[in-house]
N, C-alpha and C. Protein backbone atom coordinates (compact mmCIF):
# COMPACT_ATOMS: atom_id res chain seq x y z
N UNK A 1 30.48 2.75 -4.95
CA UNK A 1 29.43 3.76 -4.89
C UNK A 1 28.54 3.48 -3.68
N UNK A 2 28.13 4.52 -3.03
CA UNK A 2 27.25 4.37 -1.87
C UNK A 2 25.88 3.87 -2.32
N UNK A 3 25.22 3.05 -1.46
CA UNK A 3 23.88 2.55 -1.84
C UNK A 3 22.87 3.66 -2.08
N UNK A 4 22.99 4.76 -1.33
CA UNK A 4 22.02 5.85 -1.50
C UNK A 4 22.19 6.49 -2.87
N UNK A 5 23.44 6.67 -3.29
CA UNK A 5 23.68 7.26 -4.61
C UNK A 5 23.15 6.35 -5.71
N UNK A 6 23.37 5.04 -5.56
CA UNK A 6 22.88 4.11 -6.58
C UNK A 6 21.35 4.12 -6.62
N UNK A 7 20.72 4.22 -5.46
CA UNK A 7 19.25 4.27 -5.42
C UNK A 7 18.75 5.52 -6.14
N UNK A 8 19.45 6.63 -5.98
CA UNK A 8 19.06 7.86 -6.69
C UNK A 8 19.20 7.69 -8.20
N UNK A 9 20.30 7.07 -8.61
CA UNK A 9 20.51 6.83 -10.05
C UNK A 9 19.42 5.91 -10.58
N UNK A 10 19.10 4.87 -9.82
CA UNK A 10 18.05 3.94 -10.24
C UNK A 10 16.71 4.65 -10.39
N UNK A 11 16.38 5.51 -9.44
CA UNK A 11 15.13 6.28 -9.53
C UNK A 11 15.10 7.16 -10.77
N UNK A 12 16.22 7.83 -11.02
CA UNK A 12 16.28 8.70 -12.21
C UNK A 12 16.12 7.88 -13.49
N UNK A 13 16.76 6.72 -13.53
CA UNK A 13 16.66 5.86 -14.72
C UNK A 13 15.24 5.35 -14.91
N UNK A 14 14.58 5.00 -13.82
CA UNK A 14 13.19 4.53 -13.93
C UNK A 14 12.28 5.64 -14.44
N UNK A 15 12.52 6.86 -13.98
CA UNK A 15 11.73 7.99 -14.47
C UNK A 15 11.97 8.22 -15.96
N UNK A 16 13.21 8.08 -16.37
CA UNK A 16 13.53 8.27 -17.79
C UNK A 16 12.90 7.17 -18.63
N UNK A 17 12.92 5.93 -18.12
CA UNK A 17 12.27 4.83 -18.84
C UNK A 17 10.78 5.08 -18.97
N UNK A 18 10.16 5.55 -17.88
CA UNK A 18 8.72 5.82 -17.90
C UNK A 18 8.40 6.94 -18.88
N UNK A 19 9.34 7.85 -19.08
CA UNK A 19 9.12 8.95 -20.03
C UNK A 19 9.33 8.51 -21.48
N UNK A 20 9.80 7.25 -21.66
CA UNK A 20 9.93 6.73 -23.02
C UNK A 20 11.33 6.73 -23.58
N UNK A 21 12.32 7.05 -22.77
CA UNK A 21 13.70 7.06 -23.24
C UNK A 21 14.19 5.63 -23.44
N UNK A 22 14.97 5.35 -24.47
CA UNK A 22 15.44 3.98 -24.69
C UNK A 22 16.46 3.54 -23.63
N UNK A 23 16.42 2.26 -23.31
CA UNK A 23 17.29 1.70 -22.28
C UNK A 23 18.77 1.88 -22.63
N UNK A 24 19.12 1.69 -23.88
CA UNK A 24 20.53 1.81 -24.29
C UNK A 24 21.07 3.22 -24.05
N UNK A 25 20.24 4.21 -24.27
CA UNK A 25 20.67 5.60 -24.05
C UNK A 25 20.86 5.87 -22.56
N UNK A 26 19.97 5.33 -21.74
CA UNK A 26 20.07 5.52 -20.29
C UNK A 26 21.32 4.84 -19.76
N UNK A 27 21.57 3.60 -20.19
CA UNK A 27 22.74 2.87 -19.73
C UNK A 27 24.03 3.53 -20.17
N UNK A 28 24.02 4.18 -21.33
CA UNK A 28 25.22 4.87 -21.83
C UNK A 28 25.61 6.03 -20.91
N UNK A 29 24.63 6.63 -20.22
CA UNK A 29 24.93 7.74 -19.31
C UNK A 29 25.56 7.28 -18.00
N UNK A 30 25.44 6.00 -17.67
CA UNK A 30 25.99 5.45 -16.42
C UNK A 30 26.79 4.19 -16.73
N UNK A 31 27.97 4.33 -17.34
CA UNK A 31 28.74 3.14 -17.75
C UNK A 31 29.22 2.30 -16.56
N UNK A 32 29.53 2.93 -15.43
CA UNK A 32 30.03 2.17 -14.27
C UNK A 32 28.93 1.32 -13.63
N UNK A 33 27.69 1.78 -13.73
CA UNK A 33 26.57 1.06 -13.11
C UNK A 33 25.73 0.30 -14.13
N UNK A 34 26.16 0.27 -15.38
CA UNK A 34 25.34 -0.29 -16.46
C UNK A 34 24.96 -1.74 -16.21
N UNK A 35 25.88 -2.55 -15.69
CA UNK A 35 25.58 -3.97 -15.48
C UNK A 35 24.46 -4.15 -14.46
N UNK A 36 24.56 -3.43 -13.34
CA UNK A 36 23.51 -3.54 -12.32
C UNK A 36 22.19 -2.95 -12.82
N UNK A 37 22.28 -1.81 -13.48
CA UNK A 37 21.07 -1.16 -13.98
C UNK A 37 20.37 -2.03 -15.02
N UNK A 38 21.16 -2.73 -15.86
CA UNK A 38 20.57 -3.59 -16.89
C UNK A 38 19.69 -4.68 -16.25
N UNK A 39 20.10 -5.16 -15.06
CA UNK A 39 19.32 -6.19 -14.36
C UNK A 39 18.12 -5.59 -13.62
N UNK A 40 18.31 -4.43 -13.01
CA UNK A 40 17.28 -3.88 -12.13
C UNK A 40 16.21 -3.06 -12.83
N UNK A 41 16.55 -2.38 -13.89
CA UNK A 41 15.57 -1.51 -14.55
C UNK A 41 14.34 -2.25 -15.06
N UNK A 42 14.49 -3.41 -15.71
CA UNK A 42 13.27 -4.12 -16.12
C UNK A 42 12.39 -4.53 -14.94
N UNK A 43 13.03 -4.90 -13.84
CA UNK A 43 12.24 -5.26 -12.65
C UNK A 43 11.50 -4.05 -12.09
N UNK A 44 12.19 -2.93 -11.99
CA UNK A 44 11.55 -1.71 -11.50
C UNK A 44 10.45 -1.24 -12.42
N UNK A 45 10.67 -1.40 -13.71
CA UNK A 45 9.65 -0.99 -14.68
C UNK A 45 8.42 -1.89 -14.56
N UNK A 46 8.63 -3.19 -14.37
CA UNK A 46 7.50 -4.12 -14.20
C UNK A 46 6.74 -3.80 -12.92
N UNK A 47 7.46 -3.43 -11.88
CA UNK A 47 6.80 -3.07 -10.62
C UNK A 47 5.92 -1.85 -10.81
N UNK A 48 6.44 -0.85 -11.51
CA UNK A 48 5.66 0.38 -11.71
C UNK A 48 4.43 0.12 -12.56
N UNK A 49 4.51 -0.80 -13.51
CA UNK A 49 3.36 -1.11 -14.36
C UNK A 49 2.29 -1.84 -13.56
N UNK A 50 2.70 -2.74 -12.67
CA UNK A 50 1.76 -3.57 -11.93
C UNK A 50 1.30 -2.96 -10.61
N UNK A 51 1.79 -1.78 -10.30
CA UNK A 51 1.41 -1.14 -9.04
C UNK A 51 -0.06 -0.72 -9.10
N UNK A 52 -0.76 -0.97 -8.01
CA UNK A 52 -2.19 -0.62 -7.95
C UNK A 52 -2.33 0.91 -7.96
N UNK A 53 -3.28 1.42 -8.70
CA UNK A 53 -3.48 2.87 -8.72
C UNK A 53 -4.08 3.35 -7.39
N UNK A 54 -3.71 4.54 -7.01
CA UNK A 54 -4.25 5.13 -5.78
C UNK A 54 -5.62 5.72 -6.06
N UNK A 55 -6.48 5.60 -5.09
CA UNK A 55 -7.82 6.18 -5.21
C UNK A 55 -7.74 7.69 -5.01
N UNK A 56 -8.71 8.38 -5.55
CA UNK A 56 -8.79 9.82 -5.37
C UNK A 56 -9.01 10.11 -3.88
N UNK A 57 -8.53 11.25 -3.39
CA UNK A 57 -8.67 11.57 -1.96
C UNK A 57 -10.12 11.50 -1.47
N UNK A 58 -11.06 11.93 -2.29
CA UNK A 58 -12.47 11.88 -1.87
C UNK A 58 -12.92 10.43 -1.68
N UNK A 59 -12.48 9.54 -2.58
CA UNK A 59 -12.84 8.12 -2.48
C UNK A 59 -12.14 7.49 -1.27
N UNK A 60 -10.90 7.89 -1.00
CA UNK A 60 -10.20 7.37 0.17
C UNK A 60 -10.94 7.76 1.44
N UNK A 61 -11.36 9.01 1.53
CA UNK A 61 -12.10 9.49 2.70
C UNK A 61 -13.42 8.75 2.85
N UNK A 62 -14.11 8.56 1.74
CA UNK A 62 -15.39 7.85 1.78
C UNK A 62 -15.17 6.40 2.23
N UNK A 63 -14.13 5.76 1.72
CA UNK A 63 -13.82 4.39 2.12
C UNK A 63 -13.48 4.30 3.59
N UNK A 64 -12.74 5.28 4.08
CA UNK A 64 -12.39 5.30 5.50
C UNK A 64 -13.64 5.43 6.36
N UNK A 65 -14.55 6.32 5.97
CA UNK A 65 -15.79 6.50 6.73
C UNK A 65 -16.63 5.23 6.73
N UNK A 66 -16.70 4.55 5.59
CA UNK A 66 -17.46 3.30 5.51
C UNK A 66 -16.83 2.23 6.41
N UNK A 67 -15.50 2.16 6.41
CA UNK A 67 -14.82 1.18 7.25
C UNK A 67 -15.07 1.47 8.73
N UNK A 68 -14.97 2.75 9.12
CA UNK A 68 -15.19 3.10 10.52
C UNK A 68 -16.63 2.84 10.94
N UNK A 69 -17.58 3.07 10.04
CA UNK A 69 -18.98 2.77 10.34
C UNK A 69 -19.18 1.27 10.53
N UNK A 70 -18.51 0.47 9.70
CA UNK A 70 -18.62 -0.98 9.84
C UNK A 70 -18.01 -1.45 11.16
N UNK A 71 -16.90 -0.86 11.55
CA UNK A 71 -16.28 -1.22 12.83
C UNK A 71 -17.19 -0.83 13.98
N UNK A 72 -17.81 0.34 13.92
CA UNK A 72 -18.74 0.77 14.97
C UNK A 72 -19.94 -0.17 15.05
N UNK A 73 -20.36 -0.69 13.92
CA UNK A 73 -21.50 -1.61 13.91
C UNK A 73 -21.12 -2.95 14.53
N UNK A 74 -19.91 -3.41 14.25
CA UNK A 74 -19.45 -4.69 14.79
C UNK A 74 -19.12 -4.57 16.27
N UNK A 75 -18.43 -3.50 16.63
CA UNK A 75 -18.01 -3.29 18.01
C UNK A 75 -18.65 -2.01 18.54
N UNK A 76 -19.89 -2.09 19.04
CA UNK A 76 -20.53 -0.86 19.52
C UNK A 76 -19.80 -0.33 20.76
N UNK A 77 -19.91 0.97 20.94
CA UNK A 77 -19.26 1.62 22.07
C UNK A 77 -19.89 1.14 23.37
N UNK A 78 -19.05 0.89 24.35
CA UNK A 78 -19.51 0.42 25.66
C UNK A 78 -19.42 1.60 26.62
N UNK A 79 -20.51 1.84 27.35
CA UNK A 79 -20.51 2.93 28.33
C UNK A 79 -19.59 2.55 29.48
N UNK A 80 -18.79 3.47 29.96
CA UNK A 80 -17.90 3.15 31.08
C UNK A 80 -18.70 2.87 32.35
N UNK A 81 -18.15 2.04 33.20
CA UNK A 81 -18.81 1.70 34.45
C UNK A 81 -18.74 2.88 35.42
N UNK A 82 -19.52 2.82 36.48
CA UNK A 82 -19.50 3.89 37.47
C UNK A 82 -18.12 3.97 38.12
N UNK A 83 -17.45 2.83 38.20
CA UNK A 83 -16.12 2.81 38.81
C UNK A 83 -15.15 3.65 37.97
N UNK A 84 -15.20 3.47 36.67
CA UNK A 84 -14.34 4.26 35.78
C UNK A 84 -14.75 5.72 35.82
N UNK A 85 -16.04 5.99 35.86
CA UNK A 85 -16.51 7.37 35.90
C UNK A 85 -16.00 8.07 37.15
N UNK A 86 -16.02 7.34 38.29
CA UNK A 86 -15.63 7.94 39.56
C UNK A 86 -14.12 8.12 39.67
N UNK A 87 -13.34 7.11 39.24
CA UNK A 87 -11.90 7.15 39.45
C UNK A 87 -11.10 7.44 38.18
N UNK A 88 -11.73 7.50 37.04
CA UNK A 88 -10.97 7.65 35.81
C UNK A 88 -11.08 9.03 35.20
N UNK A 89 -10.41 9.18 34.08
CA UNK A 89 -10.57 10.36 33.24
C UNK A 89 -10.13 11.68 33.84
N UNK A 90 -9.03 11.74 34.57
CA UNK A 90 -8.53 13.01 35.07
C UNK A 90 -9.20 13.49 36.34
N UNK A 91 -10.11 12.71 36.87
CA UNK A 91 -10.79 13.11 38.10
C UNK A 91 -10.09 12.55 39.34
N UNK A 92 -8.98 11.84 39.14
CA UNK A 92 -8.30 11.24 40.28
C UNK A 92 -7.86 12.29 41.29
N UNK A 93 -7.44 13.44 40.82
CA UNK A 93 -6.98 14.50 41.72
C UNK A 93 -8.14 15.00 42.57
N UNK A 94 -9.30 15.17 41.96
CA UNK A 94 -10.48 15.64 42.70
C UNK A 94 -10.89 14.62 43.74
N UNK A 95 -10.91 13.35 43.35
CA UNK A 95 -11.30 12.29 44.28
C UNK A 95 -10.28 12.18 45.41
N UNK A 96 -9.00 12.25 45.07
CA UNK A 96 -7.96 12.18 46.11
C UNK A 96 -8.08 13.36 47.06
N UNK A 97 -8.34 14.55 46.52
CA UNK A 97 -8.51 15.72 47.38
C UNK A 97 -9.72 15.59 48.29
N UNK A 98 -10.82 15.08 47.76
CA UNK A 98 -12.01 14.89 48.59
C UNK A 98 -11.75 13.85 49.67
N UNK A 99 -11.04 12.79 49.31
CA UNK A 99 -10.70 11.76 50.30
C UNK A 99 -9.80 12.31 51.39
N UNK A 100 -8.83 13.11 51.00
CA UNK A 100 -7.93 13.73 51.98
C UNK A 100 -8.69 14.69 52.89
N UNK A 101 -9.64 15.43 52.34
CA UNK A 101 -10.45 16.34 53.16
C UNK A 101 -11.29 15.56 54.16
N UNK A 102 -11.85 14.43 53.74
CA UNK A 102 -12.64 13.61 54.67
C UNK A 102 -11.77 13.04 55.79
N UNK A 103 -10.57 12.59 55.45
CA UNK A 103 -9.67 12.07 56.48
C UNK A 103 -9.29 13.18 57.45
N UNK A 104 -9.02 14.38 56.94
CA UNK A 104 -8.67 15.50 57.81
C UNK A 104 -9.85 15.86 58.71
N UNK A 105 -11.06 15.88 58.15
CA UNK A 105 -12.25 16.19 58.94
C UNK A 105 -12.46 15.14 60.03
N UNK A 106 -12.29 13.88 59.68
CA UNK A 106 -12.43 12.80 60.66
C UNK A 106 -11.38 12.95 61.77
N UNK A 107 -10.15 13.31 61.40
CA UNK A 107 -9.08 13.48 62.39
C UNK A 107 -9.41 14.64 63.33
N UNK A 108 -9.96 15.72 62.82
CA UNK A 108 -10.32 16.87 63.65
C UNK A 108 -11.44 16.48 64.61
N UNK A 109 -12.43 15.75 64.12
CA UNK A 109 -13.55 15.34 64.98
C UNK A 109 -13.05 14.43 66.09
N UNK A 110 -12.23 13.46 65.76
CA UNK A 110 -11.69 12.54 66.77
C UNK A 110 -10.83 13.31 67.76
N UNK A 111 -10.01 14.22 67.29
CA UNK A 111 -9.12 14.97 68.17
C UNK A 111 -9.91 15.86 69.13
N UNK A 112 -10.98 16.52 68.63
CA UNK A 112 -11.77 17.40 69.51
C UNK A 112 -12.59 16.60 70.51
N UNK A 113 -13.02 15.40 70.19
CA UNK A 113 -13.79 14.58 71.13
C UNK A 113 -12.91 13.98 72.21
N UNK A 114 -11.63 13.83 71.96
CA UNK A 114 -10.72 13.24 72.94
C UNK A 114 -10.07 14.28 73.84
N UNK A 115 -10.42 15.53 73.73
CA UNK A 115 -9.84 16.58 74.57
C UNK A 115 -10.54 16.69 75.85
């Protein structure tokens, strides 16, 4: 049997166990996999019982906001330097264009003075 098919059977059996179906009845439905299922189902059932409950979405959002506020308090935002302001953030094209215009202007001035 393919591992994916067995995983699907295991999931179905765990759901049936959680719904209260007896183990013997579940194993009777899968005689070829009964030996493996007999070993794995109690482990899967114990995992499901001990799994931590998920918080409500509102509590998750509130927890996330509290965590981000704590991070902001520990690591305050640093203002970028003038160097980053001048050369960073998508302005490189503007700066390069201005530099190219200055070089062209300088070349025209030098060329006209040497005529």
